[in-house]
PDB file of N, CA and C in Angstrom:
ATOM      1  N   MET A   1       0.846  -1.175   0.000  1.00  0.00           N
ATOM      2  CA  MET A   1       0.000   0.000   0.000  1.00  0.00           C
ATOM      3  C   MET A   1       0.896   1.244   0.000  1.00  0.00           C
ATOM      4  N   ARG A   2       0.451   2.273  -0.669  1.00  0.00           N
ATOM      5  CA  ARG A   2       1.203   3.532  -0.717  1.00  0.00           C
ATOM      6  C   ARG A   2       1.272   4.182   0.665  1.00  0.00           C
ATOM      7  N   LEU A   3       2.351   4.890   0.923  1.00  0.00           N
ATOM      8  CA  LEU A   3       2.552   5.561   2.209  1.00  0.00           C
ATOM      9  C   LEU A   3       1.435   6.562   2.486  1.00  0.00           C
ATOM     10  N   ASP A   4       1.105   7.416   1.524  1.00  0.00           N
ATOM     11  CA  ASP A   4       0.075   8.427   1.770  1.00  0.00           C
ATOM     12  C   ASP A   4      -1.281   7.785   2.070  1.00  0.00           C
ATOM     13  N   LYS A   5      -1.598   6.703   1.405  1.00  0.00           N
ATOM     14  CA  LYS A   5      -2.866   6.011   1.658  1.00  0.00           C
ATOM     15  C   LYS A   5      -2.859   5.355   3.033  1.00  0.00           C
ATOM     16  N   PHE A   6      -1.732   4.746   3.430  1.00  0.00           N
ATOM     17  CA  PHE A   6      -1.656   4.119   4.753  1.00  0.00           C
ATOM     18  C   PHE A   6      -1.824   5.155   5.864  1.00  0.00           C
ATOM     19  N   LEU A   7      -1.184   6.304   5.721  1.00  0.00           N
ATOM     20  CA  LEU A   7      -1.306   7.351   6.742  1.00  0.00           C
ATOM     21  C   LEU A   7      -2.747   7.819   6.879  1.00  0.00           C
ATOM     22  N   LYS A   8      -3.479   7.862   5.779  1.00  0.00           N
ATOM     23  CA  LYS A   8      -4.878   8.268   5.825  1.00  0.00           C
ATOM     24  C   LYS A   8      -5.768   7.172   6.412  1.00  0.00           C
ATOM     25  N   ILE A   9      -5.606   5.942   5.953  1.00  0.00           N
ATOM     26  CA  ILE A   9      -6.446   4.835   6.430  1.00  0.00           C
ATOM     27  C   ILE A   9      -6.224   4.571   7.917  1.00  0.00           C
ATOM     28  N   SER A  10      -4.968   4.688   8.377  1.00  0.00           N
ATOM     29  CA  SER A  10      -4.671   4.465   9.797  1.00  0.00           C
ATOM     30  C   SER A  10      -5.051   5.674  10.653  1.00  0.00           C
ATOM     31  N   ARG A  11      -5.457   6.748   9.986  1.00  0.00           N
ATOM     32  CA  ARG A  11      -5.891   7.988  10.633  1.00  0.00           C
ATOM     33  C   ARG A  11      -4.779   8.669  11.428  1.00  0.00           C
ATOM     34  N   ILE A  12      -3.540   8.449  11.014  1.00  0.00           N
ATOM     35  CA  ILE A  12      -2.412   9.189  11.586  1.00  0.00           C
ATOM     36  C   ILE A  12      -2.458  10.613  11.039  1.00  0.00           C
ATOM     37  N   ILE A  13      -2.772  10.731   9.747  1.00  0.00           N
ATOM     38  CA  ILE A  13      -3.011  12.027   9.105  1.00  0.00           C
ATOM     39  C   ILE A  13      -4.414  11.952   8.508  1.00  0.00           C
ATOM     40  N   LYS A  14      -5.214  12.981   8.712  1.00  0.00           N
ATOM     41  CA  LYS A  14      -6.644  12.919   8.405  1.00  0.00           C
ATOM     42  C   LYS A  14      -6.992  12.833   6.921  1.00  0.00           C
ATOM     43  N   ARG A  15      -6.223  13.519   6.060  1.00  0.00           N
ATOM     44  CA  ARG A  15      -6.564  13.537   4.637  1.00  0.00           C
ATOM     45  C   ARG A  15      -5.390  13.057   3.803  1.00  0.00           C
ATOM     46  N   ARG A  16      -5.690  12.361   2.710  1.00  0.00           N
ATOM     47  CA  ARG A  16      -4.644  11.810   1.865  1.00  0.00           C
ATOM     48  C   ARG A  16      -3.821  12.900   1.196  1.00  0.00           C
ATOM     49  N   THR A  17      -4.448  13.997   0.808  1.00  0.00           N
ATOM     50  CA  THR A  17      -3.689  15.077   0.177  1.00  0.00           C
ATOM     51  C   THR A  17      -2.684  15.676   1.156  1.00  0.00           C
ATOM     52  N   VAL A  18      -3.063  15.779   2.416  1.00  0.00           N
ATOM     53  CA  VAL A  18      -2.144  16.291   3.437  1.00  0.00           C
ATOM     54  C   VAL A  18      -1.005  15.292   3.645  1.00  0.00           C
ATOM     55  N   ALA A  19      -1.313  14.008   3.664  1.00  0.00           N
ATOM     56  CA  ALA A  19      -0.294  12.971   3.820  1.00  0.00           C
ATOM     57  C   ALA A  19       0.678  12.999   2.637  1.00  0.00           C
ATOM     58  N   LYS A  20       0.154  13.226   1.445  1.00  0.00           N
ATOM     59  CA  LYS A  20       0.997  13.298   0.246  1.00  0.00           C
ATOM     60  C   LYS A  20       1.942  14.495   0.327  1.00  0.00           C
ATOM     61  N   GLU A  21       1.419  15.653   0.702  1.00  0.00           N
ATOM     62  CA  GLU A  21       2.247  16.851   0.837  1.00  0.00           C
ATOM     63  C   GLU A  21       3.295  16.671   1.936  1.00  0.00           C
ATOM     64  N   PHE A  22       2.924  15.981   3.004  1.00  0.00           N
ATOM     65  CA  PHE A  22       3.832  15.721   4.119  1.00  0.00           C
ATOM     66  C   PHE A  22       5.032  14.903   3.639  1.00  0.00           C
ATOM     67  N   ALA A  23       4.780  13.845   2.881  1.00  0.00           N
ATOM     68  CA  ALA A  23       5.863  13.001   2.370  1.00  0.00           C
ATOM     69  C   ALA A  23       6.690  13.727   1.310  1.00  0.00           C
ATOM     70  N   GLU A  24       6.043  14.540   0.484  1.00  0.00           N
ATOM     71  CA  GLU A  24       6.769  15.288  -0.545  1.00  0.00           C
ATOM     72  C   GLU A  24       7.725  16.312   0.052  1.00  0.00           C
ATOM     73  N   SER A  25       7.452  16.768   1.270  1.00  0.00           N
ATOM     74  CA  SER A  25       8.319  17.760   1.909  1.00  0.00           C
ATOM     75  C   SER A  25       9.458  17.105   2.699  1.00  0.00           C
ATOM     76  N   GLU A  26       9.719  15.831   2.406  1.00  0.00           N
ATOM     77  CA  GLU A  26      10.853  15.080   2.977  1.00  0.00           C
ATOM     78  C   GLU A  26      10.804  14.997   4.494  1.00  0.00           C
ATOM     79  N   ARG A  27       9.607  14.727   5.045  1.00  0.00           N
ATOM     80  CA  ARG A  27       9.461  14.570   6.494  1.00  0.00           C
ATOM     81  C   ARG A  27       8.993  13.177   6.873  1.00  0.00           C
ATOM     82  N   ALA A  28       8.992  12.236   5.915  1.00  0.00           N
ATOM     83  CA  ALA A  28       8.562  10.858   6.179  1.00  0.00           C
ATOM     84  C   ALA A  28       9.688   9.892   5.808  1.00  0.00           C
ATOM     85  N   PHE A  29       9.917   8.919   6.678  1.00  0.00           N
ATOM     86  CA  PHE A  29      10.965   7.926   6.472  1.00  0.00           C
ATOM     87  C   PHE A  29      10.393   6.533   6.725  1.00  0.00           C
ATOM     88  N   ILE A  30      10.784   5.577   5.889  1.00  0.00           N
ATOM     89  CA  ILE A  30      10.415   4.174   6.093  1.00  0.00           C
ATOM     90  C   ILE A  30      11.711   3.406   6.300  1.00  0.00           C
ATOM     91  N   ASN A  31      11.825   2.754   7.449  1.00  0.00           N
ATOM     92  CA  ASN A  31      13.022   1.991   7.817  1.00  0.00           C
ATOM     93  C   ASN A  31      14.295   2.832   7.678  1.00  0.00           C
ATOM     94  N   GLY A  32      14.214   4.095   8.064  1.00  0.00           N
ATOM     95  CA  GLY A  32      15.372   4.979   8.050  1.00  0.00           C
ATOM     96  C   GLY A  32      15.672   5.630   6.718  1.00  0.00           C
ATOM     97  N   ARG A  33      14.940   5.301   5.684  1.00  0.00           N
ATOM     98  CA  ARG A  33      15.172   5.887   4.359  1.00  0.00           C
ATOM     99  C   ARG A  33      14.074   6.880   4.021  1.00  0.00           C
ATOM    100  N   LEU A  34      14.452   7.954   3.359  1.00  0.00           N
ATOM    101  CA  LEU A  34      13.495   8.968   2.932  1.00  0.00           C
ATOM    102  C   LEU A  34      12.426   8.322   2.055  1.00  0.00           C
ATOM    103  N   ALA A  35      11.167   8.643   2.320  1.00  0.00           N
ATOM    104  CA  ALA A  35      10.057   8.009   1.605  1.00  0.00           C
ATOM    105  C   ALA A  35       9.283   9.017   0.782  1.00  0.00           C
ATOM    106  N   LYS A  36       8.834   8.575  -0.374  1.00  0.00           N
ATOM    107  CA  LYS A  36       7.955   9.359  -1.232  1.00  0.00           C
ATOM    108  C   LYS A  36       6.516   8.952  -0.919  1.00  0.00           C
ATOM    109  N   PRO A  37       5.533   9.735  -1.348  1.00  0.00           N
ATOM    110  CA  PRO A  37       4.135   9.362  -1.107  1.00  0.00           C
ATOM    111  C   PRO A  37       3.784   7.996  -1.703  1.00  0.00           C
ATOM    112  N   SER A  38       4.454   7.614  -2.780  1.00  0.00           N
ATOM    113  CA  SER A  38       4.151   6.348  -3.449  1.00  0.00           C
ATOM    114  C   SER A  38       4.971   5.179  -2.903  1.00  0.00           C
ATOM    115  N   SER A  39       5.807   5.406  -1.894  1.00  0.00           N
ATOM    116  CA  SER A  39       6.618   4.327  -1.324  1.00  0.00           C
ATOM    117  C   SER A  39       5.721   3.239  -0.750  1.00  0.00           C
ATOM    118  N   GLU A  40       6.126   2.000  -0.950  1.00  0.00           N
ATOM    119  CA  GLU A  40       5.337   0.853  -0.511  1.00  0.00           C
ATOM    120  C   GLU A  40       5.494   0.628   0.994  1.00  0.00           C
ATOM    121  N   VAL A  41       4.376   0.470   1.690  1.00  0.00           N
ATOM    122  CA  VAL A  41       4.366   0.182   3.123  1.00  0.00           C
ATOM    123  C   VAL A  41       3.968  -1.273   3.310  1.00  0.00           C
ATOM    124  N   LYS A  42       4.776  -2.016   4.101  1.00  0.00           N
ATOM    125  CA  LYS A  42       4.504  -3.420   4.359  1.00  0.00           C
ATOM    126  C   LYS A  42       4.439  -3.668   5.857  1.00  0.00           C
ATOM    127  N   LYS A  43       3.857  -4.784   6.231  1.00  0.00           N
ATOM    128  CA  LYS A  43       3.792  -5.185   7.630  1.00  0.00           C
ATOM    129  C   LYS A  43       5.216  -5.315   8.167  1.00  0.00           C
ATOM    130  N   GLY A  44       5.467  -4.719   9.342  1.00  0.00           N
ATOM    131  CA  GLY A  44       6.787  -4.774   9.964  1.00  0.00           C
ATOM    132  C   GLY A  44       7.661  -3.558   9.696  1.00  0.00           C
ATOM    133  N   ASP A  45       7.254  -2.694   8.772  1.00  0.00           N
ATOM    134  CA  ASP A  45       8.028  -1.476   8.490  1.00  0.00           C
ATOM    135  C   ASP A  45       7.989  -0.522   9.676  1.00  0.00           C
ATOM    136  N   ILE A  46       9.066   0.231   9.843  1.00  0.00           N
ATOM    137  CA  ILE A  46       9.145   1.284  10.857  1.00  0.00           C
ATOM    138  C   ILE A  46       9.048   2.612  10.122  1.00  0.00           C
ATOM    139  N   ILE A  47       8.021   3.394  10.443  1.00  0.00           N
ATOM    140  CA  ILE A  47       7.794   4.687   9.796  1.00  0.00           C
ATOM    141  C   ILE A  47       8.084   5.790  10.797  1.00  0.00           C
ATOM    142  N   THR A  48       8.857   6.787  10.363  1.00  0.00           N
ATOM    143  CA  THR A  48       9.164   7.943  11.193  1.00  0.00           C
ATOM    144  C   THR A  48       8.642   9.190  10.491  1.00  0.00           C
ATOM    145  N   LEU A  49       7.888   9.982  11.220  1.00  0.00           N
ATOM    146  CA  LEU A  49       7.369  11.246  10.700  1.00  0.00           C
ATOM    147  C   LEU A  49       7.967  12.378  11.514  1.00  0.00           C
ATOM    148  N   LYS A  50       8.549  13.367  10.843  1.00  0.00           N
ATOM    149  CA  LYS A  50       9.122  14.524  11.520  1.00  0.00           C
ATOM    150  C   LYS A  50       8.127  15.668  11.470  1.00  0.00           C
ATOM    151  N   MET A  51       7.679  16.071  12.657  1.00  0.00           N
ATOM    152  CA  MET A  51       6.701  17.147  12.779  1.00  0.00           C
ATOM    153  C   MET A  51       7.326  18.266  13.588  1.00  0.00           C
ATOM    154  N   GLY A  52       7.893  19.233  12.900  1.00  0.00           N
ATOM    155  CA  GLY A  52       8.586  20.310  13.602  1.00  0.00           C
ATOM    156  C   GLY A  52       9.816  19.763  14.299  1.00  0.00           C
ATOM    157  N   ASP A  53       9.924  19.985  15.603  1.00  0.00           N
ATOM    158  CA  ASP A  53      11.061  19.470  16.353  1.00  0.00           C
ATOM    159  C   ASP A  53      10.757  18.121  17.009  1.00  0.00           C
ATOM    160  N   LYS A  54       9.594  17.545  16.734  1.00  0.00           N
ATOM    161  CA  LYS A  54       9.209  16.250  17.290  1.00  0.00           C
ATOM    162  C   LYS A  54       9.243  15.173  16.213  1.00  0.00           C
ATOM    163  N   GLU A  55       9.431  13.930  16.650  1.00  0.00           N
ATOM    164  CA  GLU A  55       9.386  12.795  15.744  1.00  0.00           C
ATOM    165  C   GLU A  55       8.374  11.781  16.257  1.00  0.00           C
ATOM    166  N   LEU A  56       7.606  11.214  15.365  1.00  0.00           N
ATOM    167  CA  LEU A  56       6.674  10.143  15.690  1.00  0.00           C
ATOM    168  C   LEU A  56       7.169   8.901  14.966  1.00  0.00           C
ATOM    169  N   THR A  57       7.483   7.855  15.725  1.00  0.00           N
ATOM    170  CA  THR A  57       7.965   6.614  15.142  1.00  0.00           C
ATOM    171  C   THR A  57       6.988   5.502  15.506  1.00  0.00           C
ATOM    172  N   PHE A  58       6.593   4.732  14.510  1.00  0.00           N
ATOM    173  CA  PHE A  58       5.670   3.638  14.772  1.00  0.00           C
ATOM    174  C   PHE A  58       5.955   2.461  13.847  1.00  0.00           C
ATOM    175  N   GLU A  59       5.516   1.290  14.278  1.00  0.00           N
ATOM    176  CA  GLU A  59       5.685   0.055  13.519  1.00  0.00           C
ATOM    177  C   GLU A  59       4.350  -0.307  12.875  1.00  0.00           C
ATOM    178  N   VAL A  60       4.400  -0.726  11.632  1.00  0.00           N
ATOM    179  CA  VAL A  60       3.208  -1.141  10.913  1.00  0.00           C
ATOM    180  C   VAL A  60       2.880  -2.582  11.325  1.00  0.00           C
ATOM    181  N   LEU A  61       1.709  -2.786  11.913  1.00  0.00           N
ATOM    182  CA  LEU A  61       1.287  -4.112  12.359  1.00  0.00           C
ATOM    183  C   LEU A  61       0.429  -4.838  11.329  1.00  0.00           C
ATOM    184  N   ASP A  62      -0.294  -4.075  10.524  1.00  0.00           N
ATOM    185  CA  ASP A  62      -1.170  -4.672   9.526  1.00  0.00           C
ATOM    186  C   ASP A  62      -1.428  -3.651   8.426  1.00  0.00           C
ATOM    187  N   VAL A  63      -1.679  -4.139   7.231  1.00  0.00           N
ATOM    188  CA  VAL A  63      -1.996  -3.279   6.087  1.00  0.00           C
ATOM    189  C   VAL A  63      -3.305  -3.796   5.491  1.00  0.00           C
ATOM    190  N   ARG A  64      -4.343  -2.985   5.573  1.00  0.00           N
ATOM    191  CA  ARG A  64      -5.659  -3.359   5.036  1.00  0.00           C
ATOM    192  C   ARG A  64      -6.238  -2.184   4.266  1.00  0.00           C
ATOM    193  N   GLU A  65      -7.056  -2.485   3.275  1.00  0.00           N
ATOM    194  CA  GLU A  65      -7.648  -1.450   2.420  1.00  0.00           C
ATOM    195  C   GLU A  65      -8.756  -0.671   3.117  1.00  0.00           C
ATOM    196  N   ASN A  66      -9.620  -1.368   3.840  1.00  0.00           N
ATOM    197  CA  ASN A  66     -10.754  -0.718   4.488  1.00  0.00           C
ATOM    198  C   ASN A  66     -10.731  -1.015   5.977  1.00  0.00           C
ATOM    199  N   VAL A  67     -10.816   0.044   6.785  1.00  0.00           N
ATOM    200  CA  VAL A  67     -10.768  -0.106   8.234  1.00  0.00           C
ATOM    201  C   VAL A  67     -11.778   0.850   8.849  1.00  0.00           C
ATOM    202  N   LYS A  68     -12.500   0.371   9.848  1.00  0.00           N
ATOM    203  CA  LYS A  68     -13.410   1.240  10.585  1.00  0.00           C
ATOM    204  C   LYS A  68     -12.586   2.129  11.510  1.00  0.00           C
ATOM    205  N   ALA A  69     -13.148   3.264  11.879  1.00  0.00           N
ATOM    206  CA  ALA A  69     -12.428   4.241  12.698  1.00  0.00           C
ATOM    207  C   ALA A  69     -11.931   3.648  14.013  1.00  0.00           C
ATOM    208  N   ASN A  70     -12.747   2.824  14.657  1.00  0.00           N
ATOM    209  CA  ASN A  70     -12.335   2.272  15.945  1.00  0.00           C
ATOM    210  C   ASN A  70     -11.297   1.158  15.812  1.00  0.00           C
ATOM    211  N   GLU A  71     -11.062   0.650  14.596  1.00  0.00           N
ATOM    212  CA  GLU A  71     -10.059  -0.386  14.364  1.00  0.00           C
ATOM    213  C   GLU A  71      -8.757   0.173  13.790  1.00  0.00           C
ATOM    214  N   ALA A  72      -8.725   1.448  13.460  1.00  0.00           N
ATOM    215  CA  ALA A  72      -7.559   2.039  12.806  1.00  0.00           C
ATOM    216  C   ALA A  72      -6.298   1.953  13.668  1.00  0.00           C
ATOM    217  N   LYS A  73      -6.437   2.062  14.977  1.00  0.00           N
ATOM    218  CA  LYS A  73      -5.264   2.010  15.852  1.00  0.00           C
ATOM    219  C   LYS A  73      -4.632   0.625  15.911  1.00  0.00           C
ATOM    220  N   ASN A  74      -5.323  -0.392  15.403  1.00  0.00           N
ATOM    221  CA  ASN A  74      -4.763  -1.744  15.375  1.00  0.00           C
ATOM    222  C   ASN A  74      -3.795  -1.938  14.206  1.00  0.00           C
ATOM    223  N   LEU A  75      -3.683  -0.946  13.333  1.00  0.00           N
ATOM    224  CA  LEU A  75      -2.788  -1.053  12.180  1.00  0.00           C
ATOM    225  C   LEU A  75      -1.341  -0.696  12.527  1.00  0.00           C
ATOM    226  N   TYR A  76      -1.111  -0.025  13.659  1.00  0.00           N
ATOM    227  CA  TYR A  76       0.246   0.403  13.986  1.00  0.00           C
ATOM    228  C   TYR A  76       0.444   0.404  15.507  1.00  0.00           C
ATOM    229  N   ARG A  77       1.737   0.434  15.884  1.00  0.00           N
ATOM    230  CA  ARG A  77       2.108   0.515  17.300  1.00  0.00           C
ATOM    231  C   ARG A  77       3.144   1.627  17.432  1.00  0.00           C
ATOM    232  N   ILE A  78       2.870   2.591  18.297  1.00  0.00           N
ATOM    233  CA  ILE A  78       3.785   3.726  18.479  1.00  0.00           C
ATOM    234  C   ILE A  78       5.012   3.256  19.253  1.00  0.00           C
ATOM    235  N   ILE A  79       6.189   3.587  18.721  1.00  0.00           N
ATOM    236  CA  ILE A  79       7.446   3.228  19.358  1.00  0.00           C
ATOM    237  C   ILE A  79       7.966   4.419  20.167  1.00  0.00           C
ATOM    238  N   GLU A  80       7.980   5.594  19.557  1.00  0.00           N
ATOM    239  CA  GLU A  80       8.450   6.817  20.251  1.00  0.00           C
ATOM    240  C   GLU A  80       7.484   7.935  20.004  1.00  0.00           C
TER     241      GLU A  80
END
């Protein structure tokens, strides 16, 4: 699944266009490497998002196309 779509489906970022712009501005990393919006996200990947002076790091636990709002948090686990 694309990075921008995963961020939207997991509800880490509310809108896909915002997630796409976020990755295009070089603030998203997958397994330590700079990620584009189209970068492939797989189960077990470590995603780091840089938001100002803070970093959000989480592990991808599952990748699914359709998720209900109350199940979205089951797709990832926050590390830092």
